[in-house]
Amino acid sequence: MVLLEPSIIRRFAKPVNSVSLPRIVVISVAFVSGFSIMTIEMLGARIMAPYFGGSISVWGSLITVFMLALSVGYLIGGRLSTRNPNPKTFALFFISAAIFSIPIIVFADAIMRPIFLAIEDPRYGSLFASIFLYFIPTSILGMISPYSVRLMVDSHEHSGHMAGQLFFVSTIGSAGGTLATSFYFVLWFDVNRILWGAVAVLLLAGSLILFINFLLQKNAAVSKVPAYEKQT
């Protein structure tokens, strides 16, 4: 995970009077994001093994693509966080990541087979296969962290603390995803079932954000009625 400089966060602190998600919700879904990233990454090598093997070069290709995808996601997510940050866009990250993870399950063989036939060297074959399979969903998942910071920061005095707390939880989620997938999930379920589980969890996280945002907006609208009546 990449930490954001507090000086950057201070410039983009959200307006105090905006309706925002509870911090526990943002932190919880950040955990889900970190967990999902590492679940997909740990399964990535197993998915590519029938075509490219499981050598260290395949792992190197996979890790490289994930790191590049996350870096692009951090950059785009940071830019998007400066443009009217809101829970709906935040939820869209999770839903989009889930949707773009489905081709990993459905089209993995169709994507890897022509690459395997066209590129003899498994190092470069696994690199291109990783790009086509994992780059887009991982980039979207990378957008979540900087956007989460923006949603959590109310004032620059607490920006560093909020960013540290968020990345702590997100990284714990990544560690949990690594251990849970490699120690247990692969023993209990097949790869596709684990991936469908990750898709379902991401969709659930996005739906939860939308639902909580709906309730908050509804309560905010109701609370404005008495204030308007007093003015009139």
Protein backbone atom coordinates (compact mmCIF):
# COMPACT_ATOMS: atom_id res chain seq x y z
CA MET A 1 0.00 0.00 0.00
CA VAL A 2 1.13 3.58 -0.69
CA LEU A 3 0.57 6.30 1.90
CA LEU A 4 -0.53 9.74 0.85
CA GLU A 5 1.33 12.81 2.09
CA PRO A 6 -0.68 14.72 4.72
CA SER A 7 0.03 17.96 2.83
CA ILE A 8 -1.82 16.54 -0.17
CA ILE A 9 -4.72 15.37 1.95
CA ARG A 10 -5.09 18.81 3.56
CA ARG A 11 -5.73 20.48 0.25
CA PHE A 12 -8.52 18.08 -0.58
CA ALA A 13 -10.39 17.78 2.74
CA LYS A 14 -14.09 17.37 2.08
CA PRO A 15 -16.56 20.08 3.05
CA VAL A 16 -17.67 19.82 6.65
CA ASN A 17 -21.36 20.30 5.82
CA SER A 18 -21.53 17.41 3.34
CA VAL A 19 -23.42 14.19 4.10
CA SER A 20 -20.70 11.59 4.55
CA LEU A 21 -20.41 7.91 5.31
CA PRO A 22 -19.60 6.87 8.88
CA ARG A 23 -15.90 6.26 9.25
CA ILE A 24 -16.46 2.69 10.42
CA VAL A 25 -18.13 1.95 7.08
CA VAL A 26 -15.25 3.42 5.07
CA ILE A 27 -12.70 1.54 7.16
CA SER A 28 -14.65 -1.72 6.90
CA VAL A 29 -14.94 -1.64 3.12
CA ALA A 30 -11.26 -0.67 2.89
CA PHE A 31 -10.54 -3.94 4.70
CA VAL A 32 -12.71 -5.75 2.14
CA SER A 33 -10.78 -4.07 -0.68
CA GLY A 34 -7.39 -5.13 0.67
CA PHE A 35 -8.65 -8.65 1.31
CA SER A 36 -10.06 -8.98 -2.20
CA ILE A 37 -6.90 -7.69 -3.90
CA MET A 38 -4.74 -10.35 -2.31
CA THR A 39 -7.32 -13.10 -2.80
CA ILE A 40 -7.31 -12.45 -6.53
CA GLU A 41 -3.52 -12.13 -6.65
CA MET A 42 -2.91 -15.36 -4.74
CA LEU A 43 -5.23 -17.23 -7.10
CA GLY A 44 -3.70 -15.59 -10.17
CA ALA A 45 -0.68 -17.88 -10.32
CA ARG A 46 -2.83 -20.97 -9.96
CA ILE A 47 -5.11 -19.81 -12.77
CA MET A 48 -2.14 -19.32 -15.11
CA ALA A 49 -0.25 -22.45 -14.06
CA PRO A 50 -1.81 -24.83 -16.66
CA TYR A 51 -0.48 -22.63 -19.48
CA PHE A 52 2.66 -20.96 -18.12
CA GLY A 53 3.68 -23.03 -15.11
CA GLY A 54 4.23 -21.84 -11.56
CA SER A 55 7.83 -20.67 -11.73
CA ILE A 56 9.18 -17.58 -10.03
CA SER A 57 9.07 -15.74 -13.38
CA VAL A 58 5.30 -16.26 -13.52
CA TRP A 59 4.97 -14.90 -10.01
CA GLY A 60 7.22 -12.00 -11.02
CA SER A 61 4.94 -11.19 -13.95
CA LEU A 62 1.86 -11.40 -11.77
CA ILE A 63 3.24 -9.22 -8.98
CA THR A 64 4.55 -6.66 -11.48
CA VAL A 65 1.15 -6.29 -13.12
CA PHE A 66 -0.60 -5.97 -9.77
CA MET A 67 1.84 -3.31 -8.57
CA LEU A 68 1.52 -1.33 -11.80
CA ALA A 69 -2.26 -1.64 -11.75
CA LEU A 70 -2.45 -0.47 -8.15
CA SER A 71 -0.18 2.49 -8.86
CA VAL A 72 -2.45 3.55 -11.74
CA GLY A 73 -5.46 3.07 -9.49
CA TYR A 74 -3.92 5.22 -6.74
CA LEU A 75 -3.26 7.99 -9.25
CA ILE A 76 -6.73 7.94 -10.81
CA GLY A 77 -8.47 7.52 -7.47
CA GLY A 78 -6.59 10.50 -6.07
CA ARG A 79 -7.62 12.66 -9.01
CA LEU A 80 -11.24 11.55 -8.81
CA SER A 81 -11.29 12.35 -5.10
CA THR A 82 -10.84 16.03 -5.93
CA ARG A 83 -14.04 16.12 -8.01
CA ASN A 84 -17.02 16.17 -5.68
CA PRO A 85 -16.23 13.00 -3.69
CA ASN A 86 -19.40 11.14 -2.78
CA PRO A 87 -20.52 7.70 -1.57
CA LYS A 88 -22.14 6.81 -4.91
CA THR A 89 -18.84 7.04 -6.77
CA PHE A 90 -17.18 5.18 -3.91
CA ALA A 91 -19.70 2.36 -4.22
CA LEU A 92 -19.21 2.30 -7.98
CA PHE A 93 -15.55 1.34 -7.47
CA PHE A 94 -16.56 -1.86 -5.68
CA ILE A 95 -19.30 -2.74 -8.14
CA SER A 96 -17.05 -2.07 -11.15
CA ALA A 97 -14.21 -4.11 -9.67
CA ALA A 98 -16.63 -7.00 -9.16
CA ILE A 99 -17.93 -6.79 -12.74
CA PHE A 100 -14.45 -6.60 -14.28
CA SER A 101 -13.34 -9.57 -12.16
CA ILE A 102 -15.93 -11.84 -13.77
CA PRO A 103 -13.89 -12.30 -17.01
CA ILE A 104 -11.16 -13.87 -14.87
CA ILE A 105 -13.63 -16.65 -14.11
CA VAL A 106 -15.50 -16.89 -17.41
CA PHE A 107 -12.89 -16.08 -20.06
CA ALA A 108 -9.56 -17.08 -18.49
CA ASP A 109 -8.95 -20.00 -20.86
CA ALA A 110 -10.11 -18.03 -23.90
CA ILE A 111 -7.66 -15.25 -23.02
CA MET A 112 -4.66 -17.40 -22.08
CA ARG A 113 -4.84 -20.00 -24.86
CA PRO A 114 -4.04 -17.66 -27.80
CA ILE A 115 -1.33 -15.96 -25.74
CA PHE A 116 0.19 -19.36 -24.93
CA LEU A 117 0.17 -20.32 -28.61
CA ALA A 118 1.56 -16.98 -29.80
CA ILE A 119 4.32 -16.46 -27.21
CA GLU A 120 6.66 -19.37 -26.55
CA ASP A 121 8.51 -17.81 -23.61
CA PRO A 122 6.36 -18.37 -20.49
CA ARG A 123 7.84 -15.27 -18.87
CA TYR A 124 6.37 -12.92 -21.44
CA GLY A 125 3.31 -15.06 -21.98
CA SER A 126 2.41 -14.86 -18.30
CA LEU A 127 3.12 -11.13 -18.33
CA PHE A 128 0.66 -10.45 -21.15
CA ALA A 129 -1.89 -12.85 -19.70
CA SER A 130 -1.67 -11.05 -16.35
CA ILE A 131 -2.24 -7.71 -18.03
CA PHE A 132 -5.37 -8.86 -19.84
CA LEU A 133 -6.80 -10.73 -16.87
CA TYR A 134 -5.96 -8.61 -13.85
CA PHE A 135 -4.95 -5.07 -14.77
CA ILE A 136 -8.41 -3.47 -14.99
CA PRO A 137 -10.03 -4.92 -11.85
CA THR A 138 -6.88 -4.34 -9.81
CA SER A 139 -6.63 -0.73 -11.01
CA ILE A 140 -10.22 -0.12 -9.92
CA LEU A 141 -9.53 -1.65 -6.53
CA GLY A 142 -6.51 0.63 -6.24
CA MET A 143 -8.75 3.69 -6.63
CA ILE A 144 -10.48 2.87 -3.36
CA SER A 145 -7.66 3.79 -0.97
CA PRO A 146 -7.08 7.44 -1.93
CA TYR A 147 -10.82 7.99 -2.33
CA SER A 148 -11.40 6.51 1.12
CA VAL A 149 -8.95 8.98 2.64
CA ARG A 150 -10.83 11.86 1.08
CA LEU A 151 -14.14 10.61 2.48
CA MET A 152 -12.70 10.20 5.97
CA VAL A 153 -10.80 13.47 6.35
CA ASP A 154 -12.83 16.29 7.91
CA SER A 155 -9.95 18.66 8.67
CA HIS A 156 -6.23 18.79 8.09
CA GLU A 157 -5.49 18.40 11.81
CA HIS A 158 -6.49 14.73 11.68
CA SER A 159 -5.49 13.94 8.09
CA GLY A 160 -2.35 12.01 8.97
CA HIS A 161 -4.12 9.99 11.64
CA MET A 162 -7.02 9.12 9.34
CA ALA A 163 -4.73 8.12 6.48
CA GLY A 164 -2.61 5.97 8.78
CA GLN A 165 -5.67 4.29 10.26
CA LEU A 166 -7.12 3.58 6.83
CA PHE A 167 -3.97 2.09 5.36
CA PHE A 168 -3.38 0.08 8.52
CA VAL A 169 -6.79 -1.58 8.18
CA SER A 170 -6.43 -2.01 4.42
CA THR A 171 -3.05 -3.67 4.79
CA ILE A 172 -4.38 -5.93 7.55
CA GLY A 173 -7.09 -6.89 5.07
CA SER A 174 -4.43 -7.72 2.48
CA ALA A 175 -2.58 -9.89 4.99
CA GLY A 176 -5.83 -11.60 5.92
CA GLY A 177 -6.68 -12.23 2.28
CA THR A 178 -3.24 -13.71 1.67
CA LEU A 179 -3.38 -16.12 4.59
CA ALA A 180 -7.06 -17.04 4.24
CA THR A 181 -6.70 -17.80 0.54
CA SER A 182 -3.42 -19.69 0.70
CA PHE A 183 -4.06 -21.55 3.97
CA TYR A 184 -7.77 -22.35 3.81
CA PHE A 185 -9.82 -21.28 0.79
CA VAL A 186 -7.79 -23.28 -1.73
CA LEU A 187 -8.23 -26.36 0.44
CA TRP A 188 -11.99 -25.95 0.85
CA PHE A 189 -13.12 -24.60 -2.53
CA ASP A 190 -12.08 -24.62 -6.17
CA VAL A 191 -10.58 -21.49 -7.67
CA ASN A 192 -13.70 -20.32 -9.50
CA ARG A 193 -15.84 -20.64 -6.40
CA ILE A 194 -13.39 -18.51 -4.42
CA LEU A 195 -13.39 -15.88 -7.16
CA TRP A 196 -17.20 -15.85 -7.27
CA GLY A 197 -17.09 -15.31 -3.53
CA ALA A 198 -14.78 -12.32 -3.98
CA VAL A 199 -17.11 -10.91 -6.65
CA ALA A 200 -20.10 -11.36 -4.35
CA VAL A 201 -18.33 -9.65 -1.43
CA LEU A 202 -17.35 -6.67 -3.59
CA LEU A 203 -20.91 -6.34 -4.89
CA LEU A 204 -22.22 -6.57 -1.34
CA ALA A 205 -19.81 -3.85 -0.17
CA GLY A 206 -20.90 -1.53 -2.98
CA SER A 207 -24.58 -2.20 -2.30
CA LEU A 208 -24.07 -1.59 1.42
CA ILE A 209 -22.49 1.78 0.72
CA LEU A 210 -25.39 2.78 -1.51
CA PHE A 211 -27.94 1.64 1.07
CA ILE A 212 -26.26 3.52 3.93
CA ASN A 213 -25.95 6.61 1.76
CA PHE A 214 -29.66 6.38 0.94
CA LEU A 215 -30.54 6.24 4.63
CA LEU A 216 -28.27 9.16 5.46
CA GLN A 217 -29.71 11.32 2.69
CA LYS A 218 -33.23 10.42 3.76
CA ASN A 219 -32.52 11.37 7.37
CA ALA A 220 -30.84 14.59 6.26
CA ALA A 221 -33.86 15.52 4.17
CA VAL A 222 -36.24 14.81 7.06
CA SER A 223 -34.16 16.88 9.48
CA LYS A 224 -34.25 19.86 7.14
CA VAL A 225 -38.07 20.03 7.21
CA PRO A 226 -38.44 21.20 10.82
CA ALA A 227 -35.69 23.78 10.30
CA TYR A 228 -37.49 25.12 7.23
CA GLU A 229 -40.80 25.25 9.10
CA LYS A 230 -39.21 27.27 11.91
CA GLN A 231 -37.87 29.80 9.41
CA THR A 232 -41.29 30.20 7.82
